[in-house]
Amino acid sequence: MPAHTPRLRLKSKAPHGGYVDGAWWPHSDDLTHELPDLLAVLSVRLGRIDRVSYRLNSWANAPRKLTTGGRAVRLDGYRLQPRNTIEVRGLDDDRDRLILLVIPPRTDPGDAHATMMTAAQSGNAGTVDGLLMISPRDRATRTQASNAQERWESEGGTTTSPRSQRALA
C-alpha cells in the first residue's frame, strides 16, 4: 500500500489512441521519493514492475536502481526520452508498459487537474506538448537551450543542478 496516494489518472485498459496512457502529477522533483507510491499503485495494473525510463536531468535524485516493495526496479535515464514523460515497464516489456505524462510539481492545481483528466480520456490522442499547452515555438526555444546546455556539459563545462535544468524543460 502506498504511504501517500499518487496524483494519477490512467486511460482505461481497453485499446486506445494517443501517445500517453495517462498523467501523473508528482509532489516533488525527487524521483526516488515519488516512485515507491506510484509503482505500488501501478503494480495493480502492470504486475511486477521491472524498469522506469525517464528524461535524464529532469529529476533531482535518480539513481540507477531503486528498491521498493522488497524488489529492485531499474531506473534508466535517457537524453532522448521525451520531455515530461516516464515509461513504466512490467516484466513483459511488450504488453506491460505505460507511458505517463509528467505534470511539473509546481503546476497550478486547477491546471494540473484539467490536464490529468484530459490525458486520461480514452479517445484523447493529444501530444505531450499539446496536453501541457506548450506551443511549438516555446518547445523549439526550450529544446535549443537544453541542447546547448548538454553540449556544454559534454565538452567539459560545469554541470548545472537538476533544478536549473528543469527551468529549460
N, C-alpha and C. Protein backbone atom coordinates (compact mmCIF):
# COMPACT_ATOMS: atom_id res chain seq x y z
N MET A 1 0.84 -1.19 0.00
CA MET A 1 0.00 0.00 0.00
C MET A 1 0.88 1.25 0.00
N PRO A 2 0.55 2.24 -0.81
CA PRO A 2 1.37 3.46 -0.83
C PRO A 2 1.18 4.28 0.45
N ALA A 3 2.25 4.95 0.87
CA ALA A 3 2.17 5.83 2.03
C ALA A 3 1.33 7.06 1.70
N HIS A 4 1.47 7.56 0.49
CA HIS A 4 0.70 8.71 0.01
C HIS A 4 0.10 8.35 -1.33
N THR A 5 -1.16 8.64 -1.52
CA THR A 5 -1.81 8.32 -2.78
C THR A 5 -1.25 9.22 -3.88
N PRO A 6 -0.70 8.63 -4.94
CA PRO A 6 -0.16 9.45 -6.03
C PRO A 6 -1.28 10.17 -6.78
N ARG A 7 -0.96 11.34 -7.27
CA ARG A 7 -1.91 12.09 -8.10
C ARG A 7 -1.75 11.54 -9.52
N LEU A 8 -2.66 10.65 -9.89
CA LEU A 8 -2.52 9.85 -11.10
C LEU A 8 -3.88 9.63 -11.73
N ARG A 9 -3.93 9.71 -13.06
CA ARG A 9 -5.13 9.34 -13.82
C ARG A 9 -4.66 8.51 -15.01
N LEU A 10 -5.33 7.37 -15.23
CA LEU A 10 -4.98 6.48 -16.33
C LEU A 10 -6.14 6.30 -17.27
N LYS A 11 -5.82 6.08 -18.54
CA LYS A 11 -6.84 5.68 -19.51
C LYS A 11 -7.30 4.27 -19.15
N SER A 12 -8.46 3.88 -19.63
CA SER A 12 -8.93 2.52 -19.39
C SER A 12 -7.96 1.53 -20.02
N LYS A 13 -8.02 0.30 -19.57
CA LYS A 13 -7.10 -0.72 -20.08
C LYS A 13 -7.42 -1.14 -21.51
N ALA A 14 -8.62 -0.84 -21.98
CA ALA A 14 -9.01 -1.18 -23.35
C ALA A 14 -8.09 -0.46 -24.34
N PRO A 15 -7.94 -0.99 -25.56
CA PRO A 15 -7.10 -0.31 -26.55
C PRO A 15 -7.55 1.14 -26.74
N HIS A 16 -6.59 2.01 -26.87
CA HIS A 16 -6.89 3.44 -27.01
C HIS A 16 -5.82 4.09 -27.88
N GLY A 17 -6.09 5.29 -28.29
CA GLY A 17 -5.13 6.03 -29.09
C GLY A 17 -4.38 7.02 -28.22
N GLY A 18 -3.45 7.69 -28.84
CA GLY A 18 -2.71 8.73 -28.14
C GLY A 18 -1.34 8.25 -27.70
N TYR A 19 -0.49 9.22 -27.41
CA TYR A 19 0.87 8.90 -27.03
C TYR A 19 0.97 8.45 -25.58
N VAL A 20 0.19 9.09 -24.69
CA VAL A 20 0.30 8.76 -23.27
C VAL A 20 -0.86 7.89 -22.81
N ASP A 21 -0.59 7.13 -21.77
CA ASP A 21 -1.60 6.24 -21.18
C ASP A 21 -2.27 6.88 -19.97
N GLY A 22 -1.86 8.09 -19.66
CA GLY A 22 -2.42 8.79 -18.52
C GLY A 22 -1.46 9.88 -18.08
N ALA A 23 -1.73 10.44 -16.90
CA ALA A 23 -0.90 11.54 -16.40
C ALA A 23 -0.62 11.35 -14.91
N TRP A 24 0.55 11.83 -14.51
CA TRP A 24 0.99 11.75 -13.12
C TRP A 24 1.48 13.14 -12.72
N TRP A 25 1.06 13.59 -11.55
CA TRP A 25 1.46 14.89 -11.03
C TRP A 25 2.21 14.68 -9.73
N PRO A 26 3.54 14.50 -9.79
CA PRO A 26 4.31 14.24 -8.57
C PRO A 26 4.31 15.46 -7.65
N HIS A 27 4.55 15.22 -6.38
CA HIS A 27 4.60 16.30 -5.38
C HIS A 27 5.94 17.02 -5.39
N SER A 28 6.99 16.35 -5.88
CA SER A 28 8.33 16.95 -5.86
C SER A 28 9.11 16.50 -7.09
N ASP A 29 10.36 16.96 -7.18
CA ASP A 29 11.23 16.57 -8.29
C ASP A 29 12.24 15.50 -7.87
N ASP A 30 11.96 14.81 -6.76
CA ASP A 30 12.82 13.74 -6.27
C ASP A 30 12.23 12.39 -6.68
N LEU A 31 12.79 11.81 -7.73
CA LEU A 31 12.24 10.58 -8.29
C LEU A 31 12.24 9.43 -7.27
N THR A 32 13.29 9.32 -6.47
CA THR A 32 13.35 8.22 -5.50
C THR A 32 12.31 8.37 -4.40
N HIS A 33 11.91 9.57 -4.12
CA HIS A 33 10.85 9.82 -3.12
C HIS A 33 9.47 9.58 -3.72
N GLU A 34 9.29 9.93 -4.98
CA GLU A 34 7.98 9.86 -5.63
C GLU A 34 7.62 8.47 -6.16
N LEU A 35 8.61 7.73 -6.65
CA LEU A 35 8.31 6.46 -7.32
C LEU A 35 7.70 5.36 -6.46
N PRO A 36 8.13 5.13 -5.23
CA PRO A 36 7.57 4.00 -4.49
C PRO A 36 6.04 4.00 -4.44
N ASP A 37 5.42 5.12 -4.15
CA ASP A 37 3.96 5.18 -4.09
C ASP A 37 3.34 4.99 -5.47
N LEU A 38 3.93 5.61 -6.49
CA LEU A 38 3.41 5.46 -7.84
C LEU A 38 3.49 4.00 -8.29
N LEU A 39 4.63 3.37 -8.07
CA LEU A 39 4.80 1.99 -8.51
C LEU A 39 3.90 1.02 -7.75
N ALA A 40 3.63 1.31 -6.49
CA ALA A 40 2.71 0.46 -5.72
C ALA A 40 1.33 0.47 -6.37
N VAL A 41 0.88 1.63 -6.81
CA VAL A 41 -0.43 1.74 -7.46
C VAL A 41 -0.39 1.10 -8.85
N LEU A 42 0.65 1.38 -9.63
CA LEU A 42 0.73 0.86 -10.99
C LEU A 42 0.93 -0.66 -11.04
N SER A 43 1.47 -1.24 -9.98
CA SER A 43 1.69 -2.69 -9.98
C SER A 43 0.36 -3.45 -10.01
N VAL A 44 -0.72 -2.82 -9.60
CA VAL A 44 -2.03 -3.46 -9.70
C VAL A 44 -2.37 -3.72 -11.17
N ARG A 45 -1.98 -2.80 -12.03
CA ARG A 45 -2.27 -2.91 -13.46
C ARG A 45 -1.19 -3.66 -14.23
N LEU A 46 0.06 -3.44 -13.86
CA LEU A 46 1.18 -4.00 -14.63
C LEU A 46 1.77 -5.27 -14.04
N GLY A 47 1.43 -5.61 -12.82
CA GLY A 47 2.12 -6.70 -12.15
C GLY A 47 3.45 -6.19 -11.63
N ARG A 48 4.41 -7.08 -11.51
CA ARG A 48 5.72 -6.69 -11.00
C ARG A 48 6.38 -5.71 -11.97
N ILE A 49 6.83 -4.60 -11.44
CA ILE A 49 7.46 -3.56 -12.28
C ILE A 49 8.96 -3.78 -12.30
N ASP A 50 9.51 -3.77 -13.51
CA ASP A 50 10.91 -4.08 -13.73
C ASP A 50 11.76 -2.84 -13.99
N ARG A 51 11.19 -1.84 -14.66
CA ARG A 51 12.00 -0.72 -15.14
C ARG A 51 11.19 0.55 -15.28
N VAL A 52 11.85 1.68 -15.04
CA VAL A 52 11.26 3.00 -15.27
C VAL A 52 12.27 3.81 -16.08
N SER A 53 11.82 4.34 -17.21
CA SER A 53 12.66 5.21 -18.04
C SER A 53 12.20 6.65 -17.87
N TYR A 54 13.16 7.56 -17.80
CA TYR A 54 12.85 8.97 -17.58
C TYR A 54 13.83 9.83 -18.36
N ARG A 55 13.50 11.10 -18.49
CA ARG A 55 14.38 12.06 -19.17
C ARG A 55 15.53 12.40 -18.24
N LEU A 56 16.75 12.17 -18.71
CA LEU A 56 17.94 12.48 -17.93
C LEU A 56 17.94 13.96 -17.55
N ASN A 57 18.37 14.27 -16.37
CA ASN A 57 18.45 15.63 -15.83
C ASN A 57 17.10 16.27 -15.53
N SER A 58 16.02 15.49 -15.55
CA SER A 58 14.71 16.05 -15.23
C SER A 58 14.35 15.88 -13.76
N TRP A 59 15.12 15.08 -13.04
CA TRP A 59 14.80 14.78 -11.65
C TRP A 59 16.01 15.09 -10.78
N ALA A 60 15.75 15.56 -9.55
CA ALA A 60 16.83 15.93 -8.64
C ALA A 60 17.61 14.71 -8.15
N ASN A 61 16.94 13.60 -7.93
CA ASN A 61 17.60 12.42 -7.39
C ASN A 61 17.12 11.20 -8.15
N ALA A 62 18.00 10.62 -8.96
CA ALA A 62 17.61 9.47 -9.77
C ALA A 62 18.78 8.50 -9.90
N PRO A 63 18.90 7.55 -8.98
CA PRO A 63 19.97 6.56 -9.09
C PRO A 63 19.67 5.54 -10.18
N ARG A 64 20.53 4.59 -10.38
CA ARG A 64 20.34 3.56 -11.42
C ARG A 64 19.35 2.48 -11.00
N LYS A 65 19.15 2.34 -9.69
CA LYS A 65 18.28 1.28 -9.18
C LYS A 65 17.56 1.79 -7.94
N LEU A 66 16.34 1.30 -7.76
CA LEU A 66 15.53 1.68 -6.60
C LEU A 66 14.92 0.40 -6.04
N THR A 67 15.02 0.22 -4.74
CA THR A 67 14.37 -0.93 -4.11
C THR A 67 13.07 -0.45 -3.49
N THR A 68 11.98 -1.04 -3.91
CA THR A 68 10.67 -0.68 -3.39
C THR A 68 9.82 -1.94 -3.31
N GLY A 69 9.08 -2.07 -2.23
CA GLY A 69 8.27 -3.27 -2.05
C GLY A 69 9.11 -4.53 -2.00
N GLY A 70 10.37 -4.41 -1.55
CA GLY A 70 11.25 -5.56 -1.46
C GLY A 70 11.86 -6.01 -2.78
N ARG A 71 11.64 -5.25 -3.83
CA ARG A 71 12.16 -5.62 -5.16
C ARG A 71 12.94 -4.47 -5.78
N ALA A 72 13.94 -4.84 -6.57
CA ALA A 72 14.74 -3.83 -7.26
C ALA A 72 14.06 -3.45 -8.57
N VAL A 73 14.01 -2.15 -8.82
CA VAL A 73 13.47 -1.61 -10.07
C VAL A 73 14.59 -0.82 -10.73
N ARG A 74 14.84 -1.11 -11.99
CA ARG A 74 15.87 -0.39 -12.75
C ARG A 74 15.36 0.97 -13.16
N LEU A 75 16.18 2.00 -12.96
CA LEU A 75 15.85 3.36 -13.39
C LEU A 75 16.81 3.73 -14.51
N ASP A 76 16.25 4.01 -15.68
CA ASP A 76 17.06 4.32 -16.85
C ASP A 76 16.81 5.76 -17.30
N GLY A 77 17.85 6.58 -17.19
CA GLY A 77 17.75 7.95 -17.66
C GLY A 77 18.30 8.08 -19.07
N TYR A 78 17.55 8.71 -19.94
CA TYR A 78 17.95 8.89 -21.34
C TYR A 78 17.81 10.35 -21.75
N ARG A 79 18.78 10.82 -22.49
CA ARG A 79 18.69 12.19 -23.03
C ARG A 79 17.58 12.30 -24.06
N LEU A 80 17.27 11.22 -24.77
CA LEU A 80 16.26 11.26 -25.83
C LEU A 80 14.86 10.86 -25.36
N GLN A 81 14.71 10.54 -24.09
CA GLN A 81 13.37 10.27 -23.56
C GLN A 81 12.54 11.54 -23.75
N PRO A 82 11.35 11.42 -24.29
CA PRO A 82 10.53 12.62 -24.47
C PRO A 82 10.36 13.39 -23.16
N ARG A 83 10.47 14.69 -23.26
CA ARG A 83 10.31 15.55 -22.07
C ARG A 83 8.94 15.33 -21.46
N ASN A 84 8.90 15.49 -20.15
CA ASN A 84 7.65 15.41 -19.39
C ASN A 84 6.97 14.05 -19.52
N THR A 85 7.77 12.98 -19.64
CA THR A 85 7.20 11.63 -19.66
C THR A 85 8.07 10.69 -18.84
N ILE A 86 7.44 9.62 -18.37
CA ILE A 86 8.17 8.47 -17.87
C ILE A 86 7.51 7.25 -18.50
N GLU A 87 8.29 6.21 -18.65
CA GLU A 87 7.77 4.94 -19.15
C GLU A 87 7.98 3.90 -18.05
N VAL A 88 6.91 3.23 -17.67
CA VAL A 88 6.96 2.22 -16.62
C VAL A 88 6.70 0.87 -17.27
N ARG A 89 7.62 -0.08 -17.06
CA ARG A 89 7.51 -1.39 -17.71
C ARG A 89 7.41 -2.51 -16.67
N GLY A 90 6.50 -3.42 -16.95
CA GLY A 90 6.41 -4.64 -16.16
C GLY A 90 7.40 -5.65 -16.69
N LEU A 91 7.31 -6.88 -16.21
CA LEU A 91 8.24 -7.92 -16.65
C LEU A 91 8.08 -8.28 -18.12
N ASP A 92 6.86 -8.21 -18.65
CA ASP A 92 6.62 -8.49 -20.07
C ASP A 92 6.62 -7.14 -20.79
N ASP A 93 7.82 -6.69 -21.22
CA ASP A 93 8.01 -5.35 -21.77
C ASP A 93 7.02 -4.98 -22.87
N ASP A 94 6.67 -5.92 -23.73
CA ASP A 94 5.83 -5.57 -24.87
C ASP A 94 4.39 -5.27 -24.47
N ARG A 95 3.87 -5.98 -23.50
CA ARG A 95 2.46 -5.80 -23.13
C ARG A 95 2.27 -4.97 -21.87
N ASP A 96 3.20 -5.09 -20.95
CA ASP A 96 3.04 -4.45 -19.65
C ASP A 96 3.85 -3.17 -19.55
N ARG A 97 3.35 -2.13 -20.20
CA ARG A 97 4.05 -0.85 -20.10
C ARG A 97 3.05 0.29 -20.17
N LEU A 98 3.41 1.37 -19.51
CA LEU A 98 2.60 2.59 -19.54
C LEU A 98 3.53 3.77 -19.78
N ILE A 99 3.08 4.69 -20.60
CA ILE A 99 3.78 5.96 -20.78
C ILE A 99 2.91 7.01 -20.11
N LEU A 100 3.50 7.71 -19.15
CA LEU A 100 2.75 8.71 -18.41
C LEU A 100 3.27 10.11 -18.71
N LEU A 101 2.35 11.02 -18.90
CA LEU A 101 2.66 12.44 -18.95
C LEU A 101 3.02 12.85 -17.53
N VAL A 102 4.14 13.54 -17.35
CA VAL A 102 4.53 14.02 -16.03
C VAL A 102 4.25 15.52 -15.98
N ILE A 103 3.33 15.89 -15.11
CA ILE A 103 2.98 17.29 -14.93
C ILE A 103 3.94 17.87 -13.89
N PRO A 104 4.62 18.97 -14.20
CA PRO A 104 5.59 19.53 -13.26
C PRO A 104 4.97 19.76 -11.87
N PRO A 105 5.73 19.45 -10.81
CA PRO A 105 5.20 19.51 -9.44
C PRO A 105 4.58 20.85 -9.05
N ARG A 106 5.13 21.95 -9.51
CA ARG A 106 4.64 23.26 -9.08
C ARG A 106 3.54 23.83 -9.97
N THR A 107 2.93 22.99 -10.77
CA THR A 107 1.84 23.43 -11.65
C THR A 107 0.63 23.84 -10.82
N ASP A 108 -0.08 24.85 -11.28
CA ASP A 108 -1.31 25.29 -10.63
C ASP A 108 -2.25 24.09 -10.49
N PRO A 109 -2.84 23.86 -9.31
CA PRO A 109 -3.70 22.69 -9.10
C PRO A 109 -4.85 22.57 -10.10
N GLY A 110 -5.49 23.66 -10.43
CA GLY A 110 -6.59 23.61 -11.39
C GLY A 110 -6.12 23.18 -12.77
N ASP A 111 -4.99 23.74 -13.20
CA ASP A 111 -4.42 23.37 -14.50
C ASP A 111 -3.97 21.91 -14.50
N ALA A 112 -3.33 21.49 -13.41
CA ALA A 112 -2.86 20.10 -13.32
C ALA A 112 -4.03 19.13 -13.38
N HIS A 113 -5.09 19.41 -12.65
CA HIS A 113 -6.26 18.53 -12.65
C HIS A 113 -6.87 18.44 -14.05
N ALA A 114 -7.04 19.57 -14.70
CA ALA A 114 -7.62 19.58 -16.04
C ALA A 114 -6.75 18.79 -17.02
N THR A 115 -5.44 18.96 -16.93
CA THR A 115 -4.53 18.24 -17.82
C THR A 115 -4.59 16.74 -17.56
N MET A 116 -4.62 16.35 -16.29
CA MET A 116 -4.70 14.93 -15.94
C MET A 116 -5.98 14.31 -16.48
N MET A 117 -7.09 15.00 -16.32
CA MET A 117 -8.37 14.46 -16.79
C MET A 117 -8.38 14.32 -18.31
N THR A 118 -7.83 15.31 -19.01
CA THR A 118 -7.77 15.26 -20.47
C THR A 118 -6.87 14.12 -20.93
N ALA A 119 -5.69 13.99 -20.33
CA ALA A 119 -4.75 12.95 -20.72
C ALA A 119 -5.32 11.55 -20.51
N ALA A 120 -6.22 11.39 -19.55
CA ALA A 120 -6.77 10.07 -19.22
C ALA A 120 -8.04 9.73 -19.99
N GLN A 121 -8.54 10.64 -20.81
CA GLN A 121 -9.74 10.34 -21.60
C GLN A 121 -9.40 9.29 -22.65
N SER A 122 -10.25 8.28 -22.77
CA SER A 122 -9.98 7.16 -23.68
C SER A 122 -9.70 7.58 -25.12
N GLY A 123 -10.43 8.53 -25.65
CA GLY A 123 -10.24 8.92 -27.04
C GLY A 123 -9.19 9.99 -27.26
N ASN A 124 -8.55 10.45 -26.20
CA ASN A 124 -7.61 11.55 -26.33
C ASN A 124 -6.32 11.10 -27.00
N ALA A 125 -5.95 11.78 -28.07
CA ALA A 125 -4.72 11.47 -28.80
C ALA A 125 -3.75 12.64 -28.76
N GLY A 126 -3.88 13.50 -27.76
CA GLY A 126 -3.04 14.69 -27.66
C GLY A 126 -1.57 14.35 -27.46
N THR A 127 -0.73 15.23 -27.95
CA THR A 127 0.72 15.10 -27.74
C THR A 127 1.07 15.60 -26.35
N VAL A 128 2.27 15.30 -25.91
CA VAL A 128 2.73 15.77 -24.61
C VAL A 128 2.70 17.30 -24.58
N ASP A 129 3.26 17.95 -25.60
CA ASP A 129 3.26 19.41 -25.65
C ASP A 129 1.85 19.96 -25.71
N GLY A 130 1.00 19.33 -26.49
CA GLY A 130 -0.38 19.79 -26.60
C GLY A 130 -1.11 19.69 -25.27
N LEU A 131 -0.92 18.59 -24.56
CA LEU A 131 -1.57 18.42 -23.26
C LEU A 131 -1.06 19.44 -22.25
N LEU A 132 0.22 19.76 -22.32
CA LEU A 132 0.79 20.74 -21.39
C LEU A 132 0.66 22.17 -21.91
N MET A 133 0.04 22.31 -23.08
CA MET A 133 -0.18 23.61 -23.71
C MET A 133 1.13 24.36 -23.95
N ILE A 134 2.12 23.62 -24.46
CA ILE A 134 3.40 24.21 -24.84
C ILE A 134 3.37 24.41 -26.35
N SER A 135 3.53 25.63 -26.78
CA SER A 135 3.47 25.91 -28.21
C SER A 135 4.71 25.38 -28.91
N PRO A 136 4.61 25.12 -30.22
CA PRO A 136 5.79 24.65 -30.97
C PRO A 136 6.97 25.63 -30.85
N ARG A 137 6.68 26.92 -30.83
CA ARG A 137 7.75 27.92 -30.72
C ARG A 137 8.44 27.81 -29.35
N ASP A 138 7.64 27.71 -28.27
CA ASP A 138 8.22 27.56 -26.94
C ASP A 138 9.04 26.28 -26.83
N ARG A 139 8.53 25.19 -27.40
CA ARG A 139 9.26 23.92 -27.33
C ARG A 139 10.58 24.03 -28.09
N ALA A 140 10.57 24.67 -29.25
CA ALA A 140 11.81 24.83 -30.03
C ALA A 140 12.83 25.63 -29.23
N THR A 141 12.40 26.70 -28.59
CA THR A 141 13.30 27.53 -27.78
C THR A 141 13.86 26.72 -26.62
N ARG A 142 13.00 25.99 -25.93
CA ARG A 142 13.45 25.18 -24.79
C ARG A 142 14.39 24.06 -25.24
N THR A 143 14.10 23.46 -26.38
CA THR A 143 14.95 22.38 -26.90
C THR A 143 16.32 22.92 -27.27
N GLN A 144 16.37 24.08 -27.92
CA GLN A 144 17.66 24.68 -28.29
C GLN A 144 18.48 24.99 -27.05
N ALA A 145 17.85 25.56 -26.04
CA ALA A 145 18.57 25.89 -24.81
C ALA A 145 19.07 24.63 -24.12
N SER A 146 18.24 23.61 -24.07
CA SER A 146 18.63 22.35 -23.43
C SER A 146 19.77 21.68 -24.20
N ASN A 147 19.68 21.66 -25.53
CA ASN A 147 20.74 21.06 -26.34
C ASN A 147 22.06 21.80 -26.17
N ALA A 148 22.00 23.12 -26.09
CA ALA A 148 23.21 23.91 -25.88
C ALA A 148 23.84 23.57 -24.53
N GLN A 149 23.01 23.43 -23.50
CA GLN A 149 23.50 23.07 -22.17
C GLN A 149 24.13 21.68 -22.19
N GLU A 150 23.50 20.73 -22.86
CA GLU A 150 24.04 19.37 -22.93
C GLU A 150 25.37 19.34 -23.68
N ARG A 151 25.49 20.14 -24.76
CA ARG A 151 26.77 20.22 -25.49
C ARG A 151 27.85 20.79 -24.58
N TRP A 152 27.52 21.84 -23.86
CA TRP A 152 28.45 22.49 -22.94
C TRP A 152 28.96 21.47 -21.92
N GLU A 153 28.05 20.71 -21.33
CA GLU A 153 28.44 19.73 -20.32
C GLU A 153 29.26 18.59 -20.92
N SER A 154 28.91 18.14 -22.13
CA SER A 154 29.65 17.03 -22.75
C SER A 154 31.06 17.46 -23.16
N GLU A 155 31.27 18.76 -23.31
CA GLU A 155 32.59 19.28 -23.68
C GLU A 155 33.39 19.72 -22.46
N GLY A 156 32.90 19.36 -21.26
CA GLY A 156 33.66 19.65 -20.05
C GLY A 156 33.17 20.85 -19.26
N GLY A 157 32.07 21.44 -19.68
CA GLY A 157 31.51 22.57 -18.93
C GLY A 157 30.96 22.12 -17.59
N THR A 158 30.79 23.04 -16.70
CA THR A 158 30.26 22.73 -15.38
C THR A 158 28.81 22.31 -15.48
N THR A 159 28.50 21.21 -14.82
CA THR A 159 27.12 20.71 -14.81
C THR A 159 26.29 21.57 -13.88
N THR A 160 25.12 21.97 -14.36
CA THR A 160 24.20 22.73 -13.52
C THR A 160 23.36 21.77 -12.71
N SER A 161 22.71 22.30 -11.72
CA SER A 161 21.86 21.46 -10.88
C SER A 161 20.63 21.01 -11.65
N PRO A 162 20.02 19.87 -11.26
CA PRO A 162 18.78 19.43 -11.91
C PRO A 162 17.68 20.49 -11.82
N ARG A 163 17.68 21.28 -10.76
CA ARG A 163 16.66 22.32 -10.61
C ARG A 163 16.82 23.35 -11.73
N SER A 164 18.07 23.71 -12.07
CA SER A 164 18.29 24.64 -13.17
C SER A 164 17.91 24.01 -14.50
N GLN A 165 18.19 22.72 -14.64
CA GLN A 165 17.84 22.01 -15.87
C GLN A 165 16.34 22.04 -16.10
N ARG A 166 15.54 21.89 -15.04
CA ARG A 166 14.09 21.85 -15.20
C ARG A 166 13.55 23.17 -15.72
N ALA A 167 14.25 24.25 -15.46
CA ALA A 167 13.80 25.53 -15.99
C ALA A 167 13.85 25.53 -17.51
N LEU A 168 14.73 24.69 -18.07
CA LEU A 168 14.84 24.60 -19.52
C LEU A 168 13.77 23.71 -20.13
N ALA A 169 13.21 22.80 -19.35
CA ALA A 169 12.24 21.82 -19.88
C ALA A 169 10.92 22.39 -20.06
